[in-house]
Amino acid sequence: MPTFLVSDIALTARWYVMELGFTLAGQFPAQEPYVFASLQRDNAELMLLNLADYEKPDLTARRPAGLWDAYFRTSGVESLYETVKDKPFVKMKLTKQRYGDLEFAVRDPNGYVVVFGGD
């Protein structure tokens, strides 16, 4: 499962819950500020680790063919896309790939690119 370093776990977790339908599965400590959180959606899990003042470098220019930090294979990709398609954080519209999967990509508030794919 992917693990992202972030400077504000609570803020990031709320974004994943509100924007992408994840569930906060656990956090430590019980009250903010968190040093760890686990988020789940369908069978996918994402972990967040706190690193004060961390800023993820943007490496997009080093790989023009595309770059992502996590890929979640899930069912209902089209219905998930419908809930976010007009949001500014969508970085790749829903696309039928030549290998058959439907995929779209988002960029979270920390700069992580997450792809959702499936049928």
PDB file of N, CA and C in Angstrom:
ATOM      1  N   MET A   1       0.833  -1.176   0.000  1.00  0.00           N
ATOM      2  CA  MET A   1       0.000   0.000   0.000  1.00  0.00           C
ATOM      3  C   MET A   1       0.878   1.240   0.000  1.00  0.00           C
ATOM      4  N   PRO A   2       0.452   2.269  -0.714  1.00  0.00           N
ATOM      5  CA  PRO A   2       1.264   3.482  -0.773  1.00  0.00           C
ATOM      6  C   PRO A   2       1.288   4.207   0.576  1.00  0.00           C
ATOM      7  N   THR A   3       2.400   4.845   0.837  1.00  0.00           N
ATOM      8  CA  THR A   3       2.585   5.649   2.037  1.00  0.00           C
ATOM      9  C   THR A   3       3.096   7.014   1.603  1.00  0.00           C
ATOM     10  N   PHE A   4       2.356   8.057   1.946  1.00  0.00           N
ATOM     11  CA  PHE A   4       2.714   9.411   1.552  1.00  0.00           C
ATOM     12  C   PHE A   4       3.189  10.197   2.765  1.00  0.00           C
ATOM     13  N   LEU A   5       4.278  10.925   2.591  1.00  0.00           N
ATOM     14  CA  LEU A   5       4.740  11.877   3.596  1.00  0.00           C
ATOM     15  C   LEU A   5       3.983  13.183   3.392  1.00  0.00           C
ATOM     16  N   VAL A   6       3.421  13.722   4.471  1.00  0.00           N
ATOM     17  CA  VAL A   6       2.671  14.967   4.390  1.00  0.00           C
ATOM     18  C   VAL A   6       2.939  15.800   5.635  1.00  0.00           C
ATOM     19  N   SER A   7       2.787  17.097   5.500  1.00  0.00           N
ATOM     20  CA  SER A   7       3.031  17.968   6.652  1.00  0.00           C
ATOM     21  C   SER A   7       1.804  18.117   7.542  1.00  0.00           C
ATOM     22  N   ASP A   8       0.613  17.882   7.001  1.00  0.00           N
ATOM     23  CA  ASP A   8      -0.616  17.992   7.784  1.00  0.00           C
ATOM     24  C   ASP A   8      -1.516  16.801   7.481  1.00  0.00           C
ATOM     25  N   ILE A   9      -1.451  15.791   8.333  1.00  0.00           N
ATOM     26  CA  ILE A   9      -2.206  14.561   8.101  1.00  0.00           C
ATOM     27  C   ILE A   9      -3.706  14.797   8.175  1.00  0.00           C
ATOM     28  N   ALA A  10      -4.167  15.528   9.166  1.00  0.00           N
ATOM     29  CA  ALA A  10      -5.608  15.738   9.329  1.00  0.00           C
ATOM     30  C   ALA A  10      -6.199  16.436   8.104  1.00  0.00           C
ATOM     31  N   LEU A  11      -5.547  17.465   7.607  1.00  0.00           N
ATOM     32  CA  LEU A  11      -6.005  18.182   6.428  1.00  0.00           C
ATOM     33  C   LEU A  11      -6.045  17.248   5.211  1.00  0.00           C
ATOM     34  N   THR A  12      -4.995  16.486   5.030  1.00  0.00           N
ATOM     35  CA  THR A  12      -4.919  15.563   3.899  1.00  0.00           C
ATOM     36  C   THR A  12      -5.979  14.480   4.009  1.00  0.00           C
ATOM     37  N   ALA A  13      -6.154  13.917   5.182  1.00  0.00           N
ATOM     38  CA  ALA A  13      -7.152  12.862   5.381  1.00  0.00           C
ATOM     39  C   ALA A  13      -8.552  13.394   5.082  1.00  0.00           C
ATOM     40  N   ARG A  14      -8.860  14.587   5.550  1.00  0.00           N
ATOM     41  CA  ARG A  14     -10.180  15.175   5.269  1.00  0.00           C
ATOM     42  C   ARG A  14     -10.393  15.345   3.767  1.00  0.00           C
ATOM     43  N   TRP A  15      -9.343  15.739   3.049  1.00  0.00           N
ATOM     44  CA  TRP A  15      -9.450  15.898   1.595  1.00  0.00           C
ATOM     45  C   TRP A  15      -9.793  14.566   0.931  1.00  0.00           C
ATOM     46  N   TYR A  16      -9.082  13.498   1.288  1.00  0.00           N
ATOM     47  CA  TYR A  16      -9.351  12.186   0.690  1.00  0.00           C
ATOM     48  C   TYR A  16     -10.758  11.693   1.031  1.00  0.00           C
ATOM     49  N   VAL A  17     -11.223  11.970   2.228  1.00  0.00           N
ATOM     50  CA  VAL A  17     -12.569  11.562   2.635  1.00  0.00           C
ATOM     51  C   VAL A  17     -13.618  12.367   1.862  1.00  0.00           C
ATOM     52  N   MET A  18     -13.488  13.674   1.864  1.00  0.00           N
ATOM     53  CA  MET A  18     -14.497  14.535   1.250  1.00  0.00           C
ATOM     54  C   MET A  18     -14.486  14.483  -0.277  1.00  0.00           C
ATOM     55  N   GLU A  19     -13.323  14.441  -0.870  1.00  0.00           N
ATOM     56  CA  GLU A  19     -13.232  14.538  -2.333  1.00  0.00           C
ATOM     57  C   GLU A  19     -13.273  13.185  -3.046  1.00  0.00           C
ATOM     58  N   LEU A  20     -12.735  12.150  -2.422  1.00  0.00           N
ATOM     59  CA  LEU A  20     -12.605  10.869  -3.120  1.00  0.00           C
ATOM     60  C   LEU A  20     -13.318   9.710  -2.435  1.00  0.00           C
ATOM     61  N   GLY A  21     -14.031   9.991  -1.363  1.00  0.00           N
ATOM     62  CA  GLY A  21     -14.835   8.946  -0.737  1.00  0.00           C
ATOM     63  C   GLY A  21     -14.077   7.925   0.074  1.00  0.00           C
ATOM     64  N   PHE A  22     -12.860   8.260   0.500  1.00  0.00           N
ATOM     65  CA  PHE A  22     -12.122   7.358   1.375  1.00  0.00           C
ATOM     66  C   PHE A  22     -12.731   7.416   2.774  1.00  0.00           C
ATOM     67  N   THR A  23     -12.407   6.439   3.590  1.00  0.00           N
ATOM     68  CA  THR A  23     -12.815   6.394   4.983  1.00  0.00           C
ATOM     69  C   THR A  23     -11.564   6.444   5.842  1.00  0.00           C
ATOM     70  N   LEU A  24     -11.605   7.233   6.892  1.00  0.00           N
ATOM     71  CA  LEU A  24     -10.492   7.262   7.837  1.00  0.00           C
ATOM     72  C   LEU A  24     -10.581   5.991   8.670  1.00  0.00           C
ATOM     73  N   ALA A  25      -9.631   5.085   8.446  1.00  0.00           N
ATOM     74  CA  ALA A  25      -9.660   3.771   9.102  1.00  0.00           C
ATOM     75  C   ALA A  25      -8.920   3.765  10.428  1.00  0.00           C
ATOM     76  N   GLY A  26      -8.032   4.703  10.627  1.00  0.00           N
ATOM     77  CA  GLY A  26      -7.292   4.777  11.870  1.00  0.00           C
ATOM     78  C   GLY A  26      -6.333   5.940  11.859  1.00  0.00           C
ATOM     79  N   GLN A  27      -6.024   6.439  13.048  1.00  0.00           N
ATOM     80  CA  GLN A  27      -5.073   7.534  13.168  1.00  0.00           C
ATOM     81  C   GLN A  27      -4.411   7.460  14.532  1.00  0.00           C
ATOM     82  N   PHE A  28      -3.235   8.053  14.602  1.00  0.00           N
ATOM     83  CA  PHE A  28      -2.510   8.099  15.872  1.00  0.00           C
ATOM     84  C   PHE A  28      -1.827   9.444  15.991  1.00  0.00           C
ATOM     85  N   PRO A  29      -1.916  10.069  17.133  1.00  0.00           N
ATOM     86  CA  PRO A  29      -2.757   9.700  18.274  1.00  0.00           C
ATOM     87  C   PRO A  29      -4.230   9.918  17.945  1.00  0.00           C
ATOM     88  N   ALA A  30      -5.082   9.724  18.907  1.00  0.00           N
ATOM     89  CA  ALA A  30      -6.520   9.821  18.678  1.00  0.00           C
ATOM     90  C   ALA A  30      -6.959  11.235  18.317  1.00  0.00           C
ATOM     91  N   GLN A  31      -6.218  12.247  18.774  1.00  0.00           N
ATOM     92  CA  GLN A  31      -6.553  13.646  18.506  1.00  0.00           C
ATOM     93  C   GLN A  31      -5.474  14.290  17.639  1.00  0.00           C
ATOM     94  N   GLU A  32      -5.882  15.303  16.885  1.00  0.00           N
ATOM     95  CA  GLU A  32      -4.931  16.061  16.070  1.00  0.00           C
ATOM     96  C   GLU A  32      -3.940  16.788  16.971  1.00  0.00           C
ATOM     97  N   PRO A  33      -2.737  17.001  16.515  1.00  0.00           N
ATOM     98  CA  PRO A  33      -2.172  16.653  15.204  1.00  0.00           C
ATOM     99  C   PRO A  33      -1.765  15.178  15.157  1.00  0.00           C
ATOM    100  N   TYR A  34      -2.118  14.538  14.068  1.00  0.00           N
ATOM    101  CA  TYR A  34      -1.803  13.120  13.877  1.00  0.00           C
ATOM    102  C   TYR A  34      -0.366  12.963  13.378  1.00  0.00           C
ATOM    103  N   VAL A  35       0.229  11.829  13.694  1.00  0.00           N
ATOM    104  CA  VAL A  35       1.530  11.479  13.129  1.00  0.00           C
ATOM    105  C   VAL A  35       1.390  10.338  12.128  1.00  0.00           C
ATOM    106  N   PHE A  36       0.195   9.719  12.104  1.00  0.00           N
ATOM    107  CA  PHE A  36      -0.083   8.600  11.205  1.00  0.00           C
ATOM    108  C   PHE A  36      -1.580   8.542  10.963  1.00  0.00           C
ATOM    109  N   ALA A  37      -1.955   8.160   9.751  1.00  0.00           N
ATOM    110  CA  ALA A  37      -3.359   7.878   9.457  1.00  0.00           C
ATOM    111  C   ALA A  37      -3.429   6.841   8.351  1.00  0.00           C
ATOM    112  N   SER A  38      -4.482   6.068   8.394  1.00  0.00           N
ATOM    113  CA  SER A  38      -4.756   5.073   7.373  1.00  0.00           C
ATOM    114  C   SER A  38      -6.117   5.387   6.768  1.00  0.00           C
ATOM    115  N   LEU A  39      -6.180   5.395   5.450  1.00  0.00           N
ATOM    116  CA  LEU A  39      -7.420   5.676   4.724  1.00  0.00           C
ATOM    117  C   LEU A  39      -7.753   4.481   3.848  1.00  0.00           C
ATOM    118  N   GLN A  40      -9.050   4.197   3.691  1.00  0.00           N
ATOM    119  CA  GLN A  40      -9.463   3.062   2.868  1.00  0.00           C
ATOM    120  C   GLN A  40     -10.593   3.456   1.930  1.00  0.00           C
ATOM    121  N   ARG A  41     -10.563   2.831   0.774  1.00  0.00           N
ATOM    122  CA  ARG A  41     -11.651   2.944  -0.203  1.00  0.00           C
ATOM    123  C   ARG A  41     -11.705   1.624  -0.942  1.00  0.00           C
ATOM    124  N   ASP A  42     -12.857   0.969  -0.894  1.00  0.00           N
ATOM    125  CA  ASP A  42     -12.993  -0.369  -1.458  1.00  0.00           C
ATOM    126  C   ASP A  42     -11.889  -1.250  -0.858  1.00  0.00           C
ATOM    127  N   ASN A  43     -11.082  -1.873  -1.677  1.00  0.00           N
ATOM    128  CA  ASN A  43      -9.994  -2.726  -1.170  1.00  0.00           C
ATOM    129  C   ASN A  43      -8.650  -2.002  -1.161  1.00  0.00           C
ATOM    130  N   ALA A  44      -8.667  -0.709  -1.390  1.00  0.00           N
ATOM    131  CA  ALA A  44      -7.426   0.061  -1.435  1.00  0.00           C
ATOM    132  C   ALA A  44      -7.180   0.736  -0.094  1.00  0.00           C
ATOM    133  N   GLU A  45      -5.904   0.846   0.263  1.00  0.00           N
ATOM    134  CA  GLU A  45      -5.532   1.528   1.491  1.00  0.00           C
ATOM    135  C   GLU A  45      -4.376   2.472   1.205  1.00  0.00           C
ATOM    136  N   LEU A  46      -4.402   3.601   1.868  1.00  0.00           N
ATOM    137  CA  LEU A  46      -3.376   4.620   1.741  1.00  0.00           C
ATOM    138  C   LEU A  46      -2.955   5.029   3.139  1.00  0.00           C
ATOM    139  N   MET A  47      -1.656   5.085   3.367  1.00  0.00           N
ATOM    140  CA  MET A  47      -1.156   5.522   4.668  1.00  0.00           C
ATOM    141  C   MET A  47      -0.520   6.894   4.541  1.00  0.00           C
ATOM    142  N   LEU A  48      -0.701   7.700   5.573  1.00  0.00           N
ATOM    143  CA  LEU A  48      -0.111   9.026   5.639  1.00  0.00           C
ATOM    144  C   LEU A  48       0.811   9.085   6.845  1.00  0.00           C
ATOM    145  N   LEU A  49       2.012   9.580   6.622  1.00  0.00           N
ATOM    146  CA  LEU A  49       2.982   9.775   7.700  1.00  0.00           C
ATOM    147  C   LEU A  49       3.333  11.252   7.777  1.00  0.00           C
ATOM    148  N   ASN A  50       3.412  11.760   8.987  1.00  0.00           N
ATOM    149  CA  ASN A  50       3.724  13.165   9.191  1.00  0.00           C
ATOM    150  C   ASN A  50       5.217  13.425   9.058  1.00  0.00           C
ATOM    151  N   LEU A  51       5.557  14.466   8.318  1.00  0.00           N
ATOM    152  CA  LEU A  51       6.917  14.984   8.257  1.00  0.00           C
ATOM    153  C   LEU A  51       6.786  16.497   8.184  1.00  0.00           C
ATOM    154  N   ALA A  52       7.095  17.159   9.290  1.00  0.00           N
ATOM    155  CA  ALA A  52       6.898  18.602   9.391  1.00  0.00           C
ATOM    156  C   ALA A  52       7.570  19.336   8.240  1.00  0.00           C
ATOM    157  N   ASP A  53       6.842  20.280   7.665  1.00  0.00           N
ATOM    158  CA  ASP A  53       7.331  21.150   6.593  1.00  0.00           C
ATOM    159  C   ASP A  53       7.709  20.408   5.315  1.00  0.00           C
ATOM    160  N   TYR A  54       7.256  19.167   5.156  1.00  0.00           N
ATOM    161  CA  TYR A  54       7.593  18.410   3.949  1.00  0.00           C
ATOM    162  C   TYR A  54       6.856  18.975   2.739  1.00  0.00           C
ATOM    163  N   GLU A  55       7.585  19.118   1.644  1.00  0.00           N
ATOM    164  CA  GLU A  55       7.008  19.500   0.367  1.00  0.00           C
ATOM    165  C   GLU A  55       7.471  18.493  -0.674  1.00  0.00           C
ATOM    166  N   LYS A  56       6.531  17.798  -1.259  1.00  0.00           N
ATOM    167  CA  LYS A  56       6.857  16.785  -2.263  1.00  0.00           C
ATOM    168  C   LYS A  56       7.408  17.473  -3.513  1.00  0.00           C
ATOM    169  N   PRO A  57       8.545  17.003  -4.002  1.00  0.00           N
ATOM    170  CA  PRO A  57       9.077  17.595  -5.237  1.00  0.00           C
ATOM    171  C   PRO A  57       8.216  17.207  -6.439  1.00  0.00           C
ATOM    172  N   ASP A  58       8.062  18.119  -7.376  1.00  0.00           N
ATOM    173  CA  ASP A  58       7.326  17.845  -8.607  1.00  0.00           C
ATOM    174  C   ASP A  58       8.310  17.295  -9.636  1.00  0.00           C
ATOM    175  N   LEU A  59       8.184  16.028  -9.939  1.00  0.00           N
ATOM    176  CA  LEU A  59       9.108  15.359 -10.855  1.00  0.00           C
ATOM    177  C   LEU A  59       8.513  15.158 -12.248  1.00  0.00           C
ATOM    178  N   THR A  60       7.386  15.804 -12.520  1.00  0.00           N
ATOM    179  CA  THR A  60       6.691  15.616 -13.785  1.00  0.00           C
ATOM    180  C   THR A  60       7.588  15.880 -14.991  1.00  0.00           C
ATOM    181  N   ALA A  61       8.378  16.921 -14.945  1.00  0.00           N
ATOM    182  CA  ALA A  61       9.224  17.278 -16.089  1.00  0.00           C
ATOM    183  C   ALA A  61      10.275  16.215 -16.380  1.00  0.00           C
ATOM    184  N   ARG A  62      10.620  15.417 -15.398  1.00  0.00           N
ATOM    185  CA  ARG A  62      11.638  14.382 -15.600  1.00  0.00           C
ATOM    186  C   ARG A  62      11.078  13.144 -16.280  1.00  0.00           C
ATOM    187  N   ARG A  63       9.736  13.040 -16.359  1.00  0.00           N
ATOM    188  CA  ARG A  63       9.111  11.913 -17.035  1.00  0.00           C
ATOM    189  C   ARG A  63       7.872  12.398 -17.779  1.00  0.00           C
ATOM    190  N   PRO A  64       8.069  13.009 -18.944  1.00  0.00           N
ATOM    191  CA  PRO A  64       6.949  13.587 -19.694  1.00  0.00           C
ATOM    192  C   PRO A  64       5.887  12.571 -20.105  1.00  0.00           C
ATOM    193  N   ALA A  65       6.224  11.289 -20.151  1.00  0.00           N
ATOM    194  CA  ALA A  65       5.258  10.264 -20.552  1.00  0.00           C
ATOM    195  C   ALA A  65       4.205  10.022 -19.478  1.00  0.00           C
ATOM    196  N   GLY A  66       4.393  10.584 -18.315  1.00  0.00           N
ATOM    197  CA  GLY A  66       3.423  10.403 -17.238  1.00  0.00           C
ATOM    198  C   GLY A  66       4.088   9.917 -15.973  1.00  0.00           C
ATOM    199  N   LEU A  67       3.541  10.328 -14.875  1.00  0.00           N
ATOM    200  CA  LEU A  67       4.126   9.992 -13.583  1.00  0.00           C
ATOM    201  C   LEU A  67       3.009   9.939 -12.558  1.00  0.00           C
ATOM    202  N   TRP A  68       2.974   8.900 -11.751  1.00  0.00           N
ATOM    203  CA  TRP A  68       2.013   8.844 -10.666  1.00  0.00           C
ATOM    204  C   TRP A  68       2.685   8.273  -9.435  1.00  0.00           C
ATOM    205  N   ASP A  69       2.078   8.542  -8.284  1.00  0.00           N
ATOM    206  CA  ASP A  69       2.620   8.094  -7.004  1.00  0.00           C
ATOM    207  C   ASP A  69       1.885   6.874  -6.474  1.00  0.00           C
ATOM    208  N   ALA A  70       0.661   6.667  -6.916  1.00  0.00           N
ATOM    209  CA  ALA A  70      -0.111   5.497  -6.493  1.00  0.00           C
ATOM    210  C   ALA A  70      -1.138   5.179  -7.566  1.00  0.00           C
ATOM    211  N   TYR A  71      -1.407   3.899  -7.707  1.00  0.00           N
ATOM    212  CA  TYR A  71      -2.426   3.415  -8.647  1.00  0.00           C
ATOM    213  C   TYR A  71      -3.386   2.550  -7.852  1.00  0.00           C
ATOM    214  N   PHE A  72      -4.657   2.935  -7.865  1.00  0.00           N
ATOM    215  CA  PHE A  72      -5.677   2.154  -7.170  1.00  0.00           C
ATOM    216  C   PHE A  72      -6.574   1.490  -8.193  1.00  0.00           C
ATOM    217  N   ARG A  73      -6.567   0.163  -8.215  1.00  0.00           N
ATOM    218  CA  ARG A  73      -7.488  -0.587  -9.062  1.00  0.00           C
ATOM    219  C   ARG A  73      -8.769  -0.755  -8.255  1.00  0.00           C
ATOM    220  N   THR A  74      -9.869  -0.305  -8.850  1.00  0.00           N
ATOM    221  CA  THR A  74     -11.130  -0.315  -8.120  1.00  0.00           C
ATOM    222  C   THR A  74     -12.285  -0.558  -9.073  1.00  0.00           C
ATOM    223  N   SER A  75     -13.391  -0.966  -8.532  1.00  0.00           N
ATOM    224  CA  SER A  75     -14.602  -1.100  -9.345  1.00  0.00           C
ATOM    225  C   SER A  75     -15.337   0.235  -9.309  1.00  0.00           C
ATOM    226  N   GLY A  76     -16.168   0.467 -10.288  1.00  0.00           N
ATOM    227  CA  GLY A  76     -16.944   1.700 -10.314  1.00  0.00           C
ATOM    228  C   GLY A  76     -16.131   2.937 -10.641  1.00  0.00           C
ATOM    229  N   VAL A  77     -15.124   2.798 -11.488  1.00  0.00           N
ATOM    230  CA  VAL A  77     -14.275   3.934 -11.844  1.00  0.00           C
ATOM    231  C   VAL A  77     -15.092   5.046 -12.491  1.00  0.00           C
ATOM    232  N   GLU A  78     -16.014   4.678 -13.361  1.00  0.00           N
ATOM    233  CA  GLU A  78     -16.824   5.703 -14.032  1.00  0.00           C
ATOM    234  C   GLU A  78     -17.670   6.486 -13.042  1.00  0.00           C
ATOM    235  N   SER A  79     -18.289   5.801 -12.084  1.00  0.00           N
ATOM    236  CA  SER A  79     -19.131   6.515 -11.122  1.00  0.00           C
ATOM    237  C   SER A  79     -18.281   7.391 -10.193  1.00  0.00           C
ATOM    238  N   LEU A  80     -17.094   6.938  -9.810  1.00  0.00           N
ATOM    239  CA  LEU A  80     -16.203   7.773  -9.010  1.00  0.00           C
ATOM    240  C   LEU A  80     -15.791   9.005  -9.810  1.00  0.00           C
ATOM    241  N   TYR A  81     -15.451   8.807 -11.075  1.00  0.00           N
ATOM    242  CA  TYR A  81     -15.058   9.928 -11.919  1.00  0.00           C
ATOM    243  C   TYR A  81     -16.183  10.956 -12.022  1.00  0.00           C
ATOM    244  N   GLU A  82     -17.413  10.506 -12.139  1.00  0.00           N
ATOM    245  CA  GLU A  82     -18.543  11.434 -12.241  1.00  0.00           C
ATOM    246  C   GLU A  82     -18.621  12.372 -11.041  1.00  0.00           C
ATOM    247  N   THR A  83     -18.181  11.924  -9.882  1.00  0.00           N
ATOM    248  CA  THR A  83     -18.253  12.762  -8.680  1.00  0.00           C
ATOM    249  C   THR A  83     -17.152  13.820  -8.639  1.00  0.00           C
ATOM    250  N   VAL A  84     -16.099  13.652  -9.446  1.00  0.00           N
ATOM    251  CA  VAL A  84     -14.964  14.577  -9.395  1.00  0.00           C
ATOM    252  C   VAL A  84     -14.633  15.243 -10.724  1.00  0.00           C
ATOM    253  N   LYS A  85     -15.314  14.882 -11.789  1.00  0.00           N
ATOM    254  CA  LYS A  85     -14.886  15.273 -13.141  1.00  0.00           C
ATOM    255  C   LYS A  85     -14.719  16.772 -13.349  1.00  0.00           C
ATOM    256  N   ASP A  86     -15.443  17.588 -12.624  1.00  0.00           N
ATOM    257  CA  ASP A  86     -15.337  19.036 -12.813  1.00  0.00           C
ATOM    258  C   ASP A  86     -14.450  19.712 -11.778  1.00  0.00           C
ATOM    259  N   LYS A  87     -13.764  18.940 -10.972  1.00  0.00           N
ATOM    260  CA  LYS A  87     -12.916  19.496  -9.914  1.00  0.00           C
ATOM    261  C   LYS A  87     -11.553  19.880 -10.489  1.00  0.00           C
ATOM    262  N   PRO A  88     -10.946  20.915  -9.961  1.00  0.00           N
ATOM    263  CA  PRO A  88      -9.655  21.375 -10.498  1.00  0.00           C
ATOM    264  C   PRO A  88      -8.495  20.416 -10.233  1.00  0.00           C
ATOM    265  N   PHE A  89      -8.650  19.487  -9.326  1.00  0.00           N
ATOM    266  CA  PHE A  89      -7.555  18.565  -9.025  1.00  0.00           C
ATOM    267  C   PHE A  89      -7.481  17.374  -9.979  1.00  0.00           C
ATOM    268  N   VAL A  90      -8.450  17.235 -10.904  1.00  0.00           N
ATOM    269  CA  VAL A  90      -8.392  16.153 -11.901  1.00  0.00           C
ATOM    270  C   VAL A  90      -7.300  16.494 -12.903  1.00  0.00           C
ATOM    271  N   LYS A  91      -6.326  15.610 -13.039  1.00  0.00           N
ATOM    272  CA  LYS A  91      -5.184  15.857 -13.916  1.00  0.00           C
ATOM    273  C   LYS A  91      -5.248  15.065 -15.214  1.00  0.00           C
ATOM    274  N   MET A  92      -6.036  13.990 -15.228  1.00  0.00           N
ATOM    275  CA  MET A  92      -6.265  13.242 -16.464  1.00  0.00           C
ATOM    276  C   MET A  92      -7.724  12.827 -16.469  1.00  0.00           C
ATOM    277  N   LYS A  93      -8.432  13.208 -17.509  1.00  0.00           N
ATOM    278  CA  LYS A  93      -9.838  12.844 -17.632  1.00  0.00           C
ATOM    279  C   LYS A  93      -9.968  11.331 -17.782  1.00  0.00           C
ATOM    280  N   LEU A  94     -11.166  10.837 -17.538  1.00  0.00           N
ATOM    281  CA  LEU A  94     -11.435   9.414 -17.695  1.00  0.00           C
ATOM    282  C   LEU A  94     -11.086   8.993 -19.116  1.00  0.00           C
ATOM    283  N   THR A  95     -10.206   8.017 -19.220  1.00  0.00           N
ATOM    284  CA  THR A  95      -9.669   7.592 -20.506  1.00  0.00           C
ATOM    285  C   THR A  95      -9.700   6.080 -20.603  1.00  0.00           C
ATOM    286  N   LYS A  96     -10.163   5.580 -21.745  1.00  0.00           N
ATOM    287  CA  LYS A  96     -10.101   4.137 -22.013  1.00  0.00           C
ATOM    288  C   LYS A  96      -8.717   3.866 -22.577  1.00  0.00           C
ATOM    289  N   GLN A  97      -7.896   3.148 -21.814  1.00  0.00           N
ATOM    290  CA  GLN A  97      -6.535   2.859 -22.241  1.00  0.00           C
ATOM    291  C   GLN A  97      -6.525   1.739 -23.279  1.00  0.00           C
ATOM    292  N   ARG A  98      -5.481   1.685 -24.078  1.00  0.00           N
ATOM    293  CA  ARG A  98      -5.413   0.660 -25.136  1.00  0.00           C
ATOM    294  C   ARG A  98      -5.333  -0.747 -24.567  1.00  0.00           C
ATOM    295  N   TYR A  99      -4.954  -0.879 -23.290  1.00  0.00           N
ATOM    296  CA  TYR A  99      -4.929  -2.200 -22.646  1.00  0.00           C
ATOM    297  C   TYR A  99      -6.270  -2.532 -21.989  1.00  0.00           C
ATOM    298  N   GLY A 100      -7.269  -1.663 -22.182  1.00  0.00           N
ATOM    299  CA  GLY A 100      -8.630  -1.994 -21.781  1.00  0.00           C
ATOM    300  C   GLY A 100      -9.155  -1.329 -20.528  1.00  0.00           C
ATOM    301  N   ASP A 101      -8.295  -0.834 -19.668  1.00  0.00           N
ATOM    302  CA  ASP A 101      -8.761  -0.224 -18.418  1.00  0.00           C
ATOM    303  C   ASP A 101      -9.249   1.205 -18.637  1.00  0.00           C
ATOM    304  N   LEU A 102     -10.229   1.584 -17.833  1.00  0.00           N
ATOM    305  CA  LEU A 102     -10.627   2.981 -17.718  1.00  0.00           C
ATOM    306  C   LEU A 102      -9.799   3.583 -16.600  1.00  0.00           C
ATOM    307  N   GLU A 103      -9.240   4.770 -16.816  1.00  0.00           N
ATOM    308  CA  GLU A 103      -8.399   5.399 -15.801  1.00  0.00           C
ATOM    309  C   GLU A 103      -8.614   6.907 -15.790  1.00  0.00           C
ATOM    310  N   PHE A 104      -8.427   7.486 -14.606  1.00  0.00           N
ATOM    311  CA  PHE A 104      -8.322   8.930 -14.467  1.00  0.00           C
ATOM    312  C   PHE A 104      -7.338   9.224 -13.348  1.00  0.00           C
ATOM    313  N   ALA A 105      -6.798  10.438 -13.358  1.00  0.00           N
ATOM    314  CA  ALA A 105      -5.776  10.801 -12.374  1.00  0.00           C
ATOM    315  C   ALA A 105      -6.153  12.093 -11.676  1.00  0.00           C
ATOM    316  N   VAL A 106      -5.786  12.165 -10.401  1.00  0.00           N
ATOM    317  CA  VAL A 106      -5.979  13.370  -9.600  1.00  0.00           C
ATOM    318  C   VAL A 106      -4.660  13.746  -8.942  1.00  0.00           C
ATOM    319  N   ARG A 107      -4.544  15.024  -8.591  1.00  0.00           N
ATOM    320  CA  ARG A 107      -3.391  15.507  -7.830  1.00  0.00           C
ATOM    321  C   ARG A 107      -3.923  15.986  -6.482  1.00  0.00           C
ATOM    322  N   ASP A 108      -3.426  15.379  -5.411  1.00  0.00           N
ATOM    323  CA  ASP A 108      -3.917  15.743  -4.081  1.00  0.00           C
ATOM    324  C   ASP A 108      -3.294  17.064  -3.614  1.00  0.00           C
ATOM    325  N   PRO A 109      -3.718  17.599  -2.478  1.00  0.00           N
ATOM    326  CA  PRO A 109      -3.208  18.902  -2.036  1.00  0.00           C
ATOM    327  C   PRO A 109      -1.705  18.945  -1.772  1.00  0.00           C
ATOM    328  N   ASN A 110      -1.070  17.788  -1.640  1.00  0.00           N
ATOM    329  CA  ASN A 110       0.369  17.718  -1.388  1.00  0.00           C
ATOM    330  C   ASN A 110       1.174  17.522  -2.663  1.00  0.00           C
ATOM    331  N   GLY A 111       0.502  17.356  -3.798  1.00  0.00           N
ATOM    332  CA  GLY A 111       1.184  17.151  -5.070  1.00  0.00           C
ATOM    333  C   GLY A 111       1.309  15.700  -5.488  1.00  0.00           C
ATOM    334  N   TYR A 112       0.773  14.781  -4.711  1.00  0.00           N
ATOM    335  CA  TYR A 112       0.804  13.364  -5.090  1.00  0.00           C
ATOM    336  C   TYR A 112      -0.218  13.113  -6.201  1.00  0.00           C
ATOM    337  N   VAL A 113       0.200  12.374  -7.215  1.00  0.00           N
ATOM    338  CA  VAL A 113      -0.677  12.018  -8.310  1.00  0.00           C
ATOM    339  C   VAL A 113      -1.168  10.595  -8.073  1.00  0.00           C
ATOM    340  N   VAL A 114      -2.484  10.456  -8.046  1.00  0.00           N
ATOM    341  CA  VAL A 114      -3.117   9.169  -7.778  1.00  0.00           C
ATOM    342  C   VAL A 114      -3.995   8.824  -8.980  1.00  0.00           C
ATOM    343  N   VAL A 115      -3.817   7.602  -9.482  1.00  0.00           N
ATOM    344  CA  VAL A 115      -4.597   7.118 -10.612  1.00  0.00           C
ATOM    345  C   VAL A 115      -5.603   6.095 -10.100  1.00  0.00           C
ATOM    346  N   PHE A 116      -6.830   6.203 -10.575  1.00  0.00           N
ATOM    347  CA  PHE A 116      -7.863   5.215 -10.299  1.00  0.00           C
ATOM    348  C   PHE A 116      -8.144   4.498 -11.599  1.00  0.00           C
ATOM    349  N   GLY A 117      -8.078   3.175 -11.582  1.00  0.00           N
ATOM    350  CA  GLY A 117      -8.273   2.406 -12.794  1.00  0.00           C
ATOM    351  C   GLY A 117      -9.082   1.150 -12.540  1.00  0.00           C
ATOM    352  N   GLY A 118      -9.672   0.655 -13.582  1.00  0.00           N
ATOM    353  CA  GLY A 118     -10.459  -0.569 -13.502  1.00  0.00           C
ATOM    354  C   GLY A 118     -11.442  -0.615 -14.637  1.00  0.00           C
ATOM    355  N   ASP A 119     -12.572  -1.241 -14.361  1.00  0.00           N
ATOM    356  CA  ASP A 119     -13.587  -1.349 -15.403  1.00  0.00           C
ATOM    357  C   ASP A 119     -14.875  -0.696 -14.975  1.00  0.00           C
TER     358      ASP A 119
END
